[in-house]
């Protein structure tokens, strides 16, 4: 197994609001699907790389203290971080250097109440 990560799901209570939020902050388009008894919006991906989706299912609720995933923050995390407040989220940790040329991370609370990370090499 080269990469154990295959799929992630970010729970939503309002899929339309969450789609608008992530499309705004990441400047991407999500693909909507109905799958497994719920509605979802899938993040863009290319095989063989993993991807994930925003998911609206009653058994999944947003939270700020669960598993933490890091999304690709692009070339400069500050560009994405600047979009978060006006899109309905909150930056809870500004761009932070991990040292040793590992990269940078930041954390935010999305419009649904999920804590999510961003990562960039620079």
PDB file of N, CA and C in Angstrom:
ATOM      1  N   UNK A   1       0.853  -1.178   0.000  1.00  0.00           N
ATOM      2  CA  UNK A   1       0.000   0.000   0.000  1.00  0.00           C
ATOM      3  C   UNK A   1       0.897   1.240   0.000  1.00  0.00           C
ATOM      4  N   UNK A   2       0.877   1.982  -1.090  1.00  0.00           N
ATOM      5  CA  UNK A   2       1.706   3.177  -1.201  1.00  0.00           C
ATOM      6  C   UNK A   2       1.144   4.353  -0.416  1.00  0.00           C
ATOM      7  N   UNK A   3      -0.167   4.496  -0.410  1.00  0.00           N
ATOM      8  CA  UNK A   3      -0.810   5.622   0.258  1.00  0.00           C
ATOM      9  C   UNK A   3      -2.110   5.132   0.884  1.00  0.00           C
ATOM     10  N   UNK A   4      -2.207   5.113   2.216  1.00  0.00           N
ATOM     11  CA  UNK A   4      -3.413   4.589   2.844  1.00  0.00           C
ATOM     12  C   UNK A   4      -4.625   5.508   2.712  1.00  0.00           C
ATOM     13  N   UNK A   5      -4.424   6.771   2.388  1.00  0.00           N
ATOM     14  CA  UNK A   5      -5.552   7.692   2.252  1.00  0.00           C
ATOM     15  C   UNK A   5      -6.217   7.514   0.893  1.00  0.00           C
ATOM     16  N   UNK A   6      -7.529   7.281   0.887  1.00  0.00           N
ATOM     17  CA  UNK A   6      -8.275   7.120  -0.354  1.00  0.00           C
ATOM     18  C   UNK A   6      -9.437   8.092  -0.474  1.00  0.00           C
ATOM     19  N   UNK A   7     -10.077   8.421   0.636  1.00  0.00           N
ATOM     20  CA  UNK A   7     -11.309   9.209   0.575  1.00  0.00           C
ATOM     21  C   UNK A   7     -11.540   9.889   1.913  1.00  0.00           C
ATOM     22  N   UNK A   8     -12.077  11.112   1.886  1.00  0.00           N
ATOM     23  CA  UNK A   8     -12.488  11.780   3.117  1.00  0.00           C
ATOM     24  C   UNK A   8     -13.852  12.393   2.898  1.00  0.00           C
ATOM     25  N   UNK A   9     -14.573  12.607   3.977  1.00  0.00           N
ATOM     26  CA  UNK A   9     -15.884  13.253   3.918  1.00  0.00           C
ATOM     27  C   UNK A   9     -15.966  14.332   4.983  1.00  0.00           C
ATOM     28  N   UNK A  10     -16.420  15.507   4.576  1.00  0.00           N
ATOM     29  CA  UNK A  10     -16.630  16.629   5.482  1.00  0.00           C
ATOM     30  C   UNK A  10     -18.136  16.792   5.637  1.00  0.00           C
ATOM     31  N   UNK A  11     -18.678  16.583   6.845  1.00  0.00           N
ATOM     32  CA  UNK A  11     -20.127  16.654   7.028  1.00  0.00           C
ATOM     33  C   UNK A  11     -20.670  18.077   6.915  1.00  0.00           C
ATOM     34  N   UNK A  12     -21.894  18.178   6.402  1.00  0.00           N
ATOM     35  CA  UNK A  12     -22.569  19.466   6.270  1.00  0.00           C
ATOM     36  C   UNK A  12     -24.012  19.347   6.741  1.00  0.00           C
ATOM     37  N   UNK A  13     -24.564  20.454   7.190  1.00  0.00           N
ATOM     38  CA  UNK A  13     -26.002  20.514   7.452  1.00  0.00           C
ATOM     39  C   UNK A  13     -26.704  21.268   6.337  1.00  0.00           C
ATOM     40  N   UNK A  14     -25.961  22.094   5.616  1.00  0.00           N
ATOM     41  CA  UNK A  14     -26.491  22.858   4.487  1.00  0.00           C
ATOM     42  C   UNK A  14     -25.498  22.703   3.331  1.00  0.00           C
ATOM     43  N   UNK A  15     -25.756  21.734   2.468  1.00  0.00           N
ATOM     44  CA  UNK A  15     -24.812  21.415   1.393  1.00  0.00           C
ATOM     45  C   UNK A  15     -24.598  22.594   0.451  1.00  0.00           C
ATOM     46  N   UNK A  16     -25.653  23.311   0.112  1.00  0.00           N
ATOM     47  CA  UNK A  16     -25.505  24.463  -0.790  1.00  0.00           C
ATOM     48  C   UNK A  16     -24.560  25.504  -0.204  1.00  0.00           C
ATOM     49  N   UNK A  17     -24.736  25.797   1.084  1.00  0.00           N
ATOM     50  CA  UNK A  17     -23.879  26.784   1.752  1.00  0.00           C
ATOM     51  C   UNK A  17     -22.432  26.290   1.781  1.00  0.00           C
ATOM     52  N   UNK A  18     -22.239  25.018   2.105  1.00  0.00           N
ATOM     53  CA  UNK A  18     -20.890  24.457   2.183  1.00  0.00           C
ATOM     54  C   UNK A  18     -20.208  24.446   0.814  1.00  0.00           C
ATOM     55  N   UNK A  19     -20.954  24.089  -0.229  1.00  0.00           N
ATOM     56  CA  UNK A  19     -20.397  24.104  -1.584  1.00  0.00           C
ATOM     57  C   UNK A  19     -19.950  25.521  -1.943  1.00  0.00           C
ATOM     58  N   UNK A  20     -20.789  26.500  -1.689  1.00  0.00           N
ATOM     59  CA  UNK A  20     -20.428  27.891  -1.988  1.00  0.00           C
ATOM     60  C   UNK A  20     -19.177  28.302  -1.216  1.00  0.00           C
ATOM     61  N   UNK A  21     -19.087  27.913   0.052  1.00  0.00           N
ATOM     62  CA  UNK A  21     -17.932  28.249   0.884  1.00  0.00           C
ATOM     63  C   UNK A  21     -16.641  27.679   0.290  1.00  0.00           C
ATOM     64  N   UNK A  22     -16.601  26.377   0.049  1.00  0.00           N
ATOM     65  CA  UNK A  22     -15.372  25.744  -0.436  1.00  0.00           C
ATOM     66  C   UNK A  22     -15.028  26.161  -1.860  1.00  0.00           C
ATOM     67  N   UNK A  23     -16.017  26.357  -2.707  1.00  0.00           N
ATOM     68  CA  UNK A  23     -15.729  26.843  -4.058  1.00  0.00           C
ATOM     69  C   UNK A  23     -15.141  28.242  -4.004  1.00  0.00           C
ATOM     70  N   UNK A  24     -15.607  29.063  -3.070  1.00  0.00           N
ATOM     71  CA  UNK A  24     -15.090  30.423  -2.930  1.00  0.00           C
ATOM     72  C   UNK A  24     -13.673  30.436  -2.392  1.00  0.00           C
ATOM     73  N   UNK A  25     -13.425  29.733  -1.290  1.00  0.00           N
ATOM     74  CA  UNK A  25     -12.099  29.850  -0.675  1.00  0.00           C
ATOM     75  C   UNK A  25     -11.012  29.139  -1.469  1.00  0.00           C
ATOM     76  N   UNK A  26     -11.348  28.022  -2.120  1.00  0.00           N
ATOM     77  CA  UNK A  26     -10.335  27.268  -2.860  1.00  0.00           C
ATOM     78  C   UNK A  26     -10.323  27.567  -4.356  1.00  0.00           C
ATOM     79  N   UNK A  27     -11.286  28.366  -4.827  1.00  0.00           N
ATOM     80  CA  UNK A  27     -11.393  28.705  -6.253  1.00  0.00           C
ATOM     81  C   UNK A  27     -11.433  27.436  -7.110  1.00  0.00           C
ATOM     82  N   UNK A  28     -12.350  26.526  -6.751  1.00  0.00           N
ATOM     83  CA  UNK A  28     -12.530  25.254  -7.452  1.00  0.00           C
ATOM     84  C   UNK A  28     -14.013  25.037  -7.717  1.00  0.00           C
ATOM     85  N   UNK A  29     -14.322  24.010  -8.506  1.00  0.00           N
ATOM     86  CA  UNK A  29     -15.702  23.579  -8.722  1.00  0.00           C
ATOM     87  C   UNK A  29     -15.862  22.184  -8.130  1.00  0.00           C
ATOM     88  N   UNK A  30     -16.908  21.990  -7.349  1.00  0.00           N
ATOM     89  CA  UNK A  30     -17.222  20.675  -6.807  1.00  0.00           C
ATOM     90  C   UNK A  30     -18.313  20.040  -7.651  1.00  0.00           C
ATOM     91  N   UNK A  31     -18.265  18.716  -7.782  1.00  0.00           N
ATOM     92  CA  UNK A  31     -19.244  17.973  -8.576  1.00  0.00           C
ATOM     93  C   UNK A  31     -20.280  17.345  -7.641  1.00  0.00           C
ATOM     94  N   UNK A  32     -21.549  17.684  -7.845  1.00  0.00           N
ATOM     95  CA  UNK A  32     -22.620  17.158  -6.991  1.00  0.00           C
ATOM     96  C   UNK A  32     -23.050  15.772  -7.447  1.00  0.00           C
ATOM     97  N   UNK A  33     -23.315  14.908  -6.447  1.00  0.00           N
ATOM     98  CA  UNK A  33     -23.771  13.545  -6.710  1.00  0.00           C
ATOM     99  C   UNK A  33     -24.717  13.121  -5.592  1.00  0.00           C
ATOM    100  N   UNK A  34     -25.548  12.134  -5.890  1.00  0.00           N
ATOM    101  CA  UNK A  34     -26.348  11.468  -4.862  1.00  0.00           C
ATOM    102  C   UNK A  34     -25.779  10.066  -4.737  1.00  0.00           C
ATOM    103  N   UNK A  35     -25.345   9.710  -3.536  1.00  0.00           N
ATOM    104  CA  UNK A  35     -24.658   8.436  -3.369  1.00  0.00           C
ATOM    105  C   UNK A  35     -24.825   7.948  -1.935  1.00  0.00           C
ATOM    106  N   UNK A  36     -25.065   6.672  -1.774  1.00  0.00           N
ATOM    107  CA  UNK A  36     -25.113   6.090  -0.441  1.00  0.00           C
ATOM    108  C   UNK A  36     -26.178   6.660   0.462  1.00  0.00           C
ATOM    109  N   UNK A  37     -27.283   7.075  -0.095  1.00  0.00           N
ATOM    110  CA  UNK A  37     -28.371   7.596   0.722  1.00  0.00           C
ATOM    111  C   UNK A  37     -28.245   9.054   1.106  1.00  0.00           C
ATOM    112  N   UNK A  38     -27.316   9.761   0.499  1.00  0.00           N
ATOM    113  CA  UNK A  38     -27.155  11.173   0.818  1.00  0.00           C
ATOM    114  C   UNK A  38     -26.662  11.955  -0.379  1.00  0.00           C
ATOM    115  N   UNK A  39     -26.641  13.250  -0.217  1.00  0.00           N
ATOM    116  CA  UNK A  39     -26.133  14.133  -1.263  1.00  0.00           C
ATOM    117  C   UNK A  39     -24.711  14.530  -0.921  1.00  0.00           C
ATOM    118  N   UNK A  40     -23.900  14.670  -1.953  1.00  0.00           N
ATOM    119  CA  UNK A  40     -22.518  15.062  -1.734  1.00  0.00           C
ATOM    120  C   UNK A  40     -22.030  15.954  -2.859  1.00  0.00           C
ATOM    121  N   UNK A  41     -20.937  16.636  -2.579  1.00  0.00           N
ATOM    122  CA  UNK A  41     -20.243  17.453  -3.572  1.00  0.00           C
ATOM    123  C   UNK A  41     -18.777  17.045  -3.516  1.00  0.00           C
ATOM    124  N   UNK A  42     -18.284  16.515  -4.617  1.00  0.00           N
ATOM    125  CA  UNK A  42     -16.958  15.900  -4.656  1.00  0.00           C
ATOM    126  C   UNK A  42     -15.899  16.917  -5.075  1.00  0.00           C
ATOM    127  N   UNK A  43     -14.800  16.932  -4.313  1.00  0.00           N
ATOM    128  CA  UNK A  43     -13.659  17.773  -4.639  1.00  0.00           C
ATOM    129  C   UNK A  43     -12.994  17.248  -5.910  1.00  0.00           C
ATOM    130  N   UNK A  44     -12.425  18.142  -6.736  1.00  0.00           N
ATOM    131  CA  UNK A  44     -11.750  17.685  -7.949  1.00  0.00           C
ATOM    132  C   UNK A  44     -10.543  16.810  -7.598  1.00  0.00           C
ATOM    133  N   UNK A  45     -10.268  15.850  -8.451  1.00  0.00           N
ATOM    134  CA  UNK A  45      -9.128  14.965  -8.231  1.00  0.00           C
ATOM    135  C   UNK A  45      -8.702  14.342  -9.556  1.00  0.00           C
ATOM    136  N   UNK A  46      -7.536  13.758  -9.536  1.00  0.00           N
ATOM    137  CA  UNK A  46      -7.022  13.009 -10.685  1.00  0.00           C
ATOM    138  C   UNK A  46      -6.486  11.689 -10.153  1.00  0.00           C
ATOM    139  N   UNK A  47      -6.829  10.605 -10.818  1.00  0.00           N
ATOM    140  CA  UNK A  47      -6.309   9.292 -10.417  1.00  0.00           C
ATOM    141  C   UNK A  47      -4.791   9.318 -10.506  1.00  0.00           C
ATOM    142  N   UNK A  48      -4.068   8.693  -9.650  1.00  0.00           N
ATOM    143  CA  UNK A  48      -4.476   7.814  -8.570  1.00  0.00           C
ATOM    144  C   UNK A  48      -4.586   8.516  -7.226  1.00  0.00           C
ATOM    145  N   UNK A  49      -4.676   9.837  -7.223  1.00  0.00           N
ATOM    146  CA  UNK A  49      -4.656  10.589  -5.974  1.00  0.00           C
ATOM    147  C   UNK A  49      -6.007  10.528  -5.268  1.00  0.00           C
ATOM    148  N   UNK A  50      -5.990  10.572  -3.940  1.00  0.00           N
ATOM    149  CA  UNK A  50      -7.251  10.516  -3.189  1.00  0.00           C
ATOM    150  C   UNK A  50      -8.036  11.812  -3.301  1.00  0.00           C
ATOM    151  N   UNK A  51      -9.301  11.730  -2.979  1.00  0.00           N
ATOM    152  CA  UNK A  51     -10.162  12.906  -2.948  1.00  0.00           C
ATOM    153  C   UNK A  51     -11.161  12.732  -1.822  1.00  0.00           C
ATOM    154  N   UNK A  52     -12.161  13.581  -1.828  1.00  0.00           N
ATOM    155  CA  UNK A  52     -13.185  13.525  -0.808  1.00  0.00           C
ATOM    156  C   UNK A  52     -14.367  14.371  -1.210  1.00  0.00           C
ATOM    157  N   UNK A  53     -15.286  14.529  -0.274  1.00  0.00           N
ATOM    158  CA  UNK A  53     -16.525  15.225  -0.599  1.00  0.00           C
ATOM    159  C   UNK A  53     -17.108  15.910   0.621  1.00  0.00           C
ATOM    160  N   UNK A  54     -17.920  16.912   0.344  1.00  0.00           N
ATOM    161  CA  UNK A  54     -18.839  17.461   1.334  1.00  0.00           C
ATOM    162  C   UNK A  54     -20.040  16.533   1.325  1.00  0.00           C
ATOM    163  N   UNK A  55     -20.541  16.161   2.484  1.00  0.00           N
ATOM    164  CA  UNK A  55     -21.605  15.168   2.559  1.00  0.00           C
ATOM    165  C   UNK A  55     -22.733  15.658   3.454  1.00  0.00           C
ATOM    166  N   UNK A  56     -23.962  15.527   2.945  1.00  0.00           N
ATOM    167  CA  UNK A  56     -25.153  15.865   3.727  1.00  0.00           C
ATOM    168  C   UNK A  56     -25.912  14.578   4.017  1.00  0.00           C
ATOM    169  N   UNK A  57     -25.724  14.045   5.216  1.00  0.00           N
ATOM    170  CA  UNK A  57     -26.420  12.843   5.670  1.00  0.00           C
ATOM    171  C   UNK A  57     -26.771  13.035   7.138  1.00  0.00           C
ATOM    172  N   UNK A  58     -27.963  12.639   7.540  1.00  0.00           N
ATOM    173  CA  UNK A  58     -28.380  12.854   8.932  1.00  0.00           C
ATOM    174  C   UNK A  58     -27.440  12.231   9.961  1.00  0.00           C
ATOM    175  N   UNK A  59     -26.818  11.113   9.639  1.00  0.00           N
ATOM    176  CA  UNK A  59     -25.952  10.439  10.602  1.00  0.00           C
ATOM    177  C   UNK A  59     -24.564  11.072  10.717  1.00  0.00           C
ATOM    178  N   UNK A  60     -24.286  12.085   9.904  1.00  0.00           N
ATOM    179  CA  UNK A  60     -22.996  12.773   9.956  1.00  0.00           C
ATOM    180  C   UNK A  60     -23.225  14.235  10.307  1.00  0.00           C
ATOM    181  N   UNK A  61     -22.609  14.694  11.391  1.00  0.00           N
ATOM    182  CA  UNK A  61     -22.774  16.065  11.849  1.00  0.00           C
ATOM    183  C   UNK A  61     -21.427  16.784  11.885  1.00  0.00           C
ATOM    184  N   UNK A  62     -21.402  18.057  11.488  1.00  0.00           N
ATOM    185  CA  UNK A  62     -20.164  18.835  11.561  1.00  0.00           C
ATOM    186  C   UNK A  62     -19.656  18.924  13.001  1.00  0.00           C
ATOM    187  N   UNK A  63     -18.336  19.030  13.145  1.00  0.00           N
ATOM    188  CA  UNK A  63     -17.747  19.203  14.470  1.00  0.00           C
ATOM    189  C   UNK A  63     -16.377  19.851  14.349  1.00  0.00           C
ATOM    190  N   UNK A  64     -15.957  20.474  15.429  1.00  0.00           N
ATOM    191  CA  UNK A  64     -14.662  21.158  15.408  1.00  0.00           C
ATOM    192  C   UNK A  64     -13.600  20.434  16.231  1.00  0.00           C
ATOM    193  N   UNK A  65     -13.890  19.212  16.668  1.00  0.00           N
ATOM    194  CA  UNK A  65     -12.918  18.499  17.491  1.00  0.00           C
ATOM    195  C   UNK A  65     -12.736  17.044  17.069  1.00  0.00           C
ATOM    196  N   UNK A  66     -13.008  16.756  15.810  1.00  0.00           N
ATOM    197  CA  UNK A  66     -12.846  15.390  15.308  1.00  0.00           C
ATOM    198  C   UNK A  66     -11.557  15.247  14.517  1.00  0.00           C
ATOM    199  N   UNK A  67     -11.554  14.300  13.623  1.00  0.00           N
ATOM    200  CA  UNK A  67     -10.405  14.067  12.754  1.00  0.00           C
ATOM    201  C   UNK A  67     -10.090  15.332  11.969  1.00  0.00           C
ATOM    202  N   UNK A  68      -8.820  15.628  11.824  1.00  0.00           N
ATOM    203  CA  UNK A  68      -8.408  16.843  11.121  1.00  0.00           C
ATOM    204  C   UNK A  68      -7.790  16.472   9.782  1.00  0.00           C
ATOM    205  N   UNK A  69      -8.342  17.014   8.713  1.00  0.00           N
ATOM    206  CA  UNK A  69      -7.758  16.828   7.389  1.00  0.00           C
ATOM    207  C   UNK A  69      -7.163  18.157   6.936  1.00  0.00           C
ATOM    208  N   UNK A  70      -6.159  18.066   6.081  1.00  0.00           N
ATOM    209  CA  UNK A  70      -5.523  19.252   5.516  1.00  0.00           C
ATOM    210  C   UNK A  70      -5.763  19.260   4.017  1.00  0.00           C
ATOM    211  N   UNK A  71      -6.356  20.341   3.535  1.00  0.00           N
ATOM    212  CA  UNK A  71      -6.575  20.532   2.108  1.00  0.00           C
ATOM    213  C   UNK A  71      -5.393  21.287   1.519  1.00  0.00           C
ATOM    214  N   UNK A  72      -5.188  21.143   0.233  1.00  0.00           N
ATOM    215  CA  UNK A  72      -4.117  21.841  -0.471  1.00  0.00           C
ATOM    216  C   UNK A  72      -4.418  23.331  -0.475  1.00  0.00           C
ATOM    217  N   UNK A  73      -3.543  24.110   0.120  1.00  0.00           N
ATOM    218  CA  UNK A  73      -3.730  25.550   0.205  1.00  0.00           C
ATOM    219  C   UNK A  73      -3.126  26.320  -0.951  1.00  0.00           C
ATOM    220  N   UNK A  74      -2.632  25.620  -1.972  1.00  0.00           N
ATOM    221  CA  UNK A  74      -2.060  26.306  -3.123  1.00  0.00           C
ATOM    222  C   UNK A  74      -0.673  26.842  -2.824  1.00  0.00           C
ATOM    223  N   UNK A  75      -0.237  27.759  -3.654  1.00  0.00           N
ATOM    224  CA  UNK A  75       1.117  28.300  -3.536  1.00  0.00           C
ATOM    225  C   UNK A  75       1.296  29.177  -2.300  1.00  0.00           C
ATOM    226  N   UNK A  76       0.241  29.867  -1.864  1.00  0.00           N
ATOM    227  CA  UNK A  76       0.330  30.772  -0.710  1.00  0.00           C
ATOM    228  C   UNK A  76      -0.941  30.654   0.120  1.00  0.00           C
ATOM    229  N   UNK A  77      -0.815  30.122   1.309  1.00  0.00           N
ATOM    230  CA  UNK A  77      -1.980  29.963   2.189  1.00  0.00           C
ATOM    231  C   UNK A  77      -2.688  31.279   2.473  1.00  0.00           C
ATOM    232  N   UNK A  78      -1.953  32.378   2.476  1.00  0.00           N
ATOM    233  CA  UNK A  78      -2.574  33.663   2.799  1.00  0.00           C
ATOM    234  C   UNK A  78      -3.667  34.053   1.807  1.00  0.00           C
ATOM    235  N   UNK A  79      -3.552  33.612   0.564  1.00  0.00           N
ATOM    236  CA  UNK A  79      -4.586  33.904  -0.437  1.00  0.00           C
ATOM    237  C   UNK A  79      -5.890  33.223  -0.035  1.00  0.00           C
ATOM    238  N   UNK A  80      -5.820  31.941   0.317  1.00  0.00           N
ATOM    239  CA  UNK A  80      -7.014  31.200   0.735  1.00  0.00           C
ATOM    240  C   UNK A  80      -7.528  31.740   2.069  1.00  0.00           C
ATOM    241  N   UNK A  81      -6.637  31.977   3.017  1.00  0.00           N
ATOM    242  CA  UNK A  81      -7.048  32.478   4.335  1.00  0.00           C
ATOM    243  C   UNK A  81      -7.801  33.799   4.233  1.00  0.00           C
ATOM    244  N   UNK A  82      -7.411  34.651   3.306  1.00  0.00           N
ATOM    245  CA  UNK A  82      -8.073  35.950   3.144  1.00  0.00           C
ATOM    246  C   UNK A  82      -9.518  35.799   2.689  1.00  0.00           C
ATOM    247  N   UNK A  83      -9.858  34.706   2.025  1.00  0.00           N
ATOM    248  CA  UNK A  83     -11.222  34.494   1.524  1.00  0.00           C
ATOM    249  C   UNK A  83     -12.162  33.910   2.582  1.00  0.00           C
ATOM    250  N   UNK A  84     -11.622  33.328   3.620  1.00  0.00           N
ATOM    251  CA  UNK A  84     -12.428  32.573   4.585  1.00  0.00           C
ATOM    252  C   UNK A  84     -13.455  33.424   5.328  1.00  0.00           C
ATOM    253  N   UNK A  85     -13.099  34.549   5.936  1.00  0.00           N
ATOM    254  CA  UNK A  85     -14.107  35.304   6.698  1.00  0.00           C
ATOM    255  C   UNK A  85     -15.305  35.764   5.864  1.00  0.00           C
ATOM    256  N   UNK A  86     -15.061  36.283   4.680  1.00  0.00           N
ATOM    257  CA  UNK A  86     -16.181  36.775   3.868  1.00  0.00           C
ATOM    258  C   UNK A  86     -17.026  35.642   3.304  1.00  0.00           C
ATOM    259  N   UNK A  87     -16.478  34.422   3.281  1.00  0.00           N
ATOM    260  CA  UNK A  87     -17.238  33.262   2.807  1.00  0.00           C
ATOM    261  C   UNK A  87     -18.047  32.615   3.930  1.00  0.00           C
ATOM    262  N   UNK A  88     -17.860  33.083   5.168  1.00  0.00           N
ATOM    263  CA  UNK A  88     -18.645  32.568   6.285  1.00  0.00           C
ATOM    264  C   UNK A  88     -17.887  31.693   7.261  1.00  0.00           C
ATOM    265  N   UNK A  89     -16.566  31.629   7.140  1.00  0.00           N
ATOM    266  CA  UNK A  89     -15.761  30.826   8.053  1.00  0.00           C
ATOM    267  C   UNK A  89     -14.926  31.697   8.975  1.00  0.00           C
ATOM    268  N   UNK A  90     -14.080  31.040   9.764  1.00  0.00           N
ATOM    269  CA  UNK A  90     -13.239  31.746  10.725  1.00  0.00           C
ATOM    270  C   UNK A  90     -11.847  31.126  10.733  1.00  0.00           C
ATOM    271  N   UNK A  91     -10.834  31.946  10.548  1.00  0.00           N
ATOM    272  CA  UNK A  91      -9.456  31.472  10.646  1.00  0.00           C
ATOM    273  C   UNK A  91      -9.128  31.329  12.130  1.00  0.00           C
ATOM    274  N   UNK A  92      -8.684  30.132  12.540  1.00  0.00           N
ATOM    275  CA  UNK A  92      -8.365  29.912  13.953  1.00  0.00           C
ATOM    276  C   UNK A  92      -6.869  29.732  14.188  1.00  0.00           C
ATOM    277  N   UNK A  93      -6.098  29.516  13.135  1.00  0.00           N
ATOM    278  CA  UNK A  93      -4.641  29.508  13.222  1.00  0.00           C
ATOM    279  C   UNK A  93      -4.100  30.033  11.898  1.00  0.00           C
ATOM    280  N   UNK A  94      -3.417  31.151  11.974  1.00  0.00           N
ATOM    281  CA  UNK A  94      -2.836  31.759  10.777  1.00  0.00           C
ATOM    282  C   UNK A  94      -1.739  30.858  10.201  1.00  0.00           C
ATOM    283  N   UNK A  95      -1.259  31.213   9.035  1.00  0.00           N
ATOM    284  CA  UNK A  95      -0.181  30.472   8.368  1.00  0.00           C
ATOM    285  C   UNK A  95       0.983  30.284   9.340  1.00  0.00           C
ATOM    286  N   UNK A  96       1.389  29.042   9.529  1.00  0.00           N
ATOM    287  CA  UNK A  96       2.428  28.682  10.487  1.00  0.00           C
ATOM    288  C   UNK A  96       3.495  27.847   9.790  1.00  0.00           C
ATOM    289  N   UNK A  97       4.740  28.248   9.941  1.00  0.00           N
ATOM    290  CA  UNK A  97       5.861  27.526   9.339  1.00  0.00           C
ATOM    291  C   UNK A  97       6.161  26.288  10.177  1.00  0.00           C
ATOM    292  N   UNK A  98       6.210  25.123   9.544  1.00  0.00           N
ATOM    293  CA  UNK A  98       6.502  23.881  10.248  1.00  0.00           C
ATOM    294  C   UNK A  98       8.002  23.670  10.461  1.00  0.00           C
ATOM    295  N   UNK A  99       8.832  24.497   9.827  1.00  0.00           N
ATOM    296  CA  UNK A  99      10.282  24.376   9.970  1.00  0.00           C
ATOM    297  C   UNK A  99      10.854  23.255   9.117  1.00  0.00           C
ATOM    298  N   UNK A 100      12.168  23.201   9.039  1.00  0.00           N
ATOM    299  CA  UNK A 100      12.894  22.154   8.310  1.00  0.00           C
ATOM    300  C   UNK A 100      12.424  21.972   6.870  1.00  0.00           C
ATOM    301  N   UNK A 101      11.950  23.037   6.239  1.00  0.00           N
ATOM    302  CA  UNK A 101      11.459  22.992   4.856  1.00  0.00           C
ATOM    303  C   UNK A 101      10.321  22.000   4.647  1.00  0.00           C
ATOM    304  N   UNK A 102       9.535  21.745   5.696  1.00  0.00           N
ATOM    305  CA  UNK A 102       8.393  20.830   5.597  1.00  0.00           C
ATOM    306  C   UNK A 102       7.213  21.512   4.923  1.00  0.00           C
ATOM    307  N   UNK A 103       7.016  22.790   5.222  1.00  0.00           N
ATOM    308  CA  UNK A 103       5.908  23.532   4.635  1.00  0.00           C
ATOM    309  C   UNK A 103       5.201  24.388   5.664  1.00  0.00           C
ATOM    310  N   UNK A 104       3.983  24.782   5.332  1.00  0.00           N
ATOM    311  CA  UNK A 104       3.181  25.667   6.176  1.00  0.00           C
ATOM    312  C   UNK A 104       1.780  25.094   6.334  1.00  0.00           C
ATOM    313  N   UNK A 105       1.177  25.379   7.492  1.00  0.00           N
ATOM    314  CA  UNK A 105      -0.204  24.965   7.739  1.00  0.00           C
ATOM    315  C   UNK A 105      -0.988  26.132   8.313  1.00  0.00           C
ATOM    316  N   UNK A 106      -2.293  26.017   8.244  1.00  0.00           N
ATOM    317  CA  UNK A 106      -3.217  26.957   8.875  1.00  0.00           C
ATOM    318  C   UNK A 106      -4.486  26.172   9.187  1.00  0.00           C
ATOM    319  N   UNK A 107      -5.294  26.678  10.112  1.00  0.00           N
ATOM    320  CA  UNK A 107      -6.551  26.030  10.479  1.00  0.00           C
ATOM    321  C   UNK A 107      -7.696  27.022  10.378  1.00  0.00           C
ATOM    322  N   UNK A 108      -8.873  26.508  10.003  1.00  0.00           N
ATOM    323  CA  UNK A 108     -10.066  27.341   9.972  1.00  0.00           C
ATOM    324  C   UNK A 108     -11.278  26.529  10.390  1.00  0.00           C
ATOM    325  N   UNK A 109     -12.326  27.233  10.782  1.00  0.00           N
ATOM    326  CA  UNK A 109     -13.633  26.636  11.024  1.00  0.00           C
ATOM    327  C   UNK A 109     -14.477  27.011   9.817  1.00  0.00           C
ATOM    328  N   UNK A 110     -15.023  26.003   9.135  1.00  0.00           N
ATOM    329  CA  UNK A 110     -15.806  26.295   7.934  1.00  0.00           C
ATOM    330  C   UNK A 110     -17.203  26.789   8.293  1.00  0.00           C
ATOM    331  N   UNK A 111     -17.994  27.083   7.297  1.00  0.00           N
ATOM    332  CA  UNK A 111     -19.333  27.635   7.504  1.00  0.00           C
ATOM    333  C   UNK A 111     -20.270  26.648   8.189  1.00  0.00           C
ATOM    334  N   UNK A 112     -19.887  25.378   8.275  1.00  0.00           N
ATOM    335  CA  UNK A 112     -20.702  24.344   8.909  1.00  0.00           C
ATOM    336  C   UNK A 112     -20.266  24.050  10.341  1.00  0.00           C
ATOM    337  N   UNK A 113     -19.112  24.572  10.747  1.00  0.00           N
ATOM    338  CA  UNK A 113     -18.595  24.313  12.089  1.00  0.00           C
ATOM    339  C   UNK A 113     -17.502  23.267  12.154  1.00  0.00           C
ATOM    340  N   UNK A 114     -17.018  22.791  10.999  1.00  0.00           N
ATOM    341  CA  UNK A 114     -15.924  21.822  10.953  1.00  0.00           C
ATOM    342  C   UNK A 114     -14.582  22.528  11.064  1.00  0.00           C
ATOM    343  N   UNK A 115     -13.660  21.944  11.817  1.00  0.00           N
ATOM    344  CA  UNK A 115     -12.279  22.421  11.846  1.00  0.00           C
ATOM    345  C   UNK A 115     -11.548  21.723  10.705  1.00  0.00           C
ATOM    346  N   UNK A 116     -10.892  22.507   9.842  1.00  0.00           N
ATOM    347  CA  UNK A 116     -10.209  21.980   8.663  1.00  0.00           C
ATOM    348  C   UNK A 116      -8.850  22.663   8.558  1.00  0.00           C
ATOM    349  N   UNK A 117      -7.857  21.927   8.065  1.00  0.00           N
ATOM    350  CA  UNK A 117      -6.529  22.477   7.885  1.00  0.00           C
ATOM    351  C   UNK A 117      -6.227  22.783   6.431  1.00  0.00           C
ATOM    352  N   UNK A 118      -5.244  23.630   6.241  1.00  0.00           N
ATOM    353  CA  UNK A 118      -4.691  23.931   4.921  1.00  0.00           C
ATOM    354  C   UNK A 118      -3.194  23.661   4.979  1.00  0.00           C
ATOM    355  N   UNK A 119      -2.629  23.182   3.881  1.00  0.00           N
ATOM    356  CA  UNK A 119      -1.196  22.923   3.803  1.00  0.00           C
ATOM    357  C   UNK A 119      -0.652  23.509   2.508  1.00  0.00           C
ATOM    358  N   UNK A 120       0.546  24.072   2.583  1.00  0.00           N
ATOM    359  CA  UNK A 120       1.275  24.461   1.376  1.00  0.00           C
ATOM    360  C   UNK A 120       2.760  24.240   1.617  1.00  0.00           C
ATOM    361  N   UNK A 121       3.467  23.954   0.562  1.00  0.00           N
ATOM    362  CA  UNK A 121       4.913  23.749   0.674  1.00  0.00           C
ATOM    363  C   UNK A 121       5.615  25.059   0.995  1.00  0.00           C
ATOM    364  N   UNK A 122       5.168  26.162   0.384  1.00  0.00           N
ATOM    365  CA  UNK A 122       5.794  27.476   0.609  1.00  0.00           C
ATOM    366  C   UNK A 122       4.925  28.365   1.464  1.00  0.00           C
TER     367      UNK A 122
END
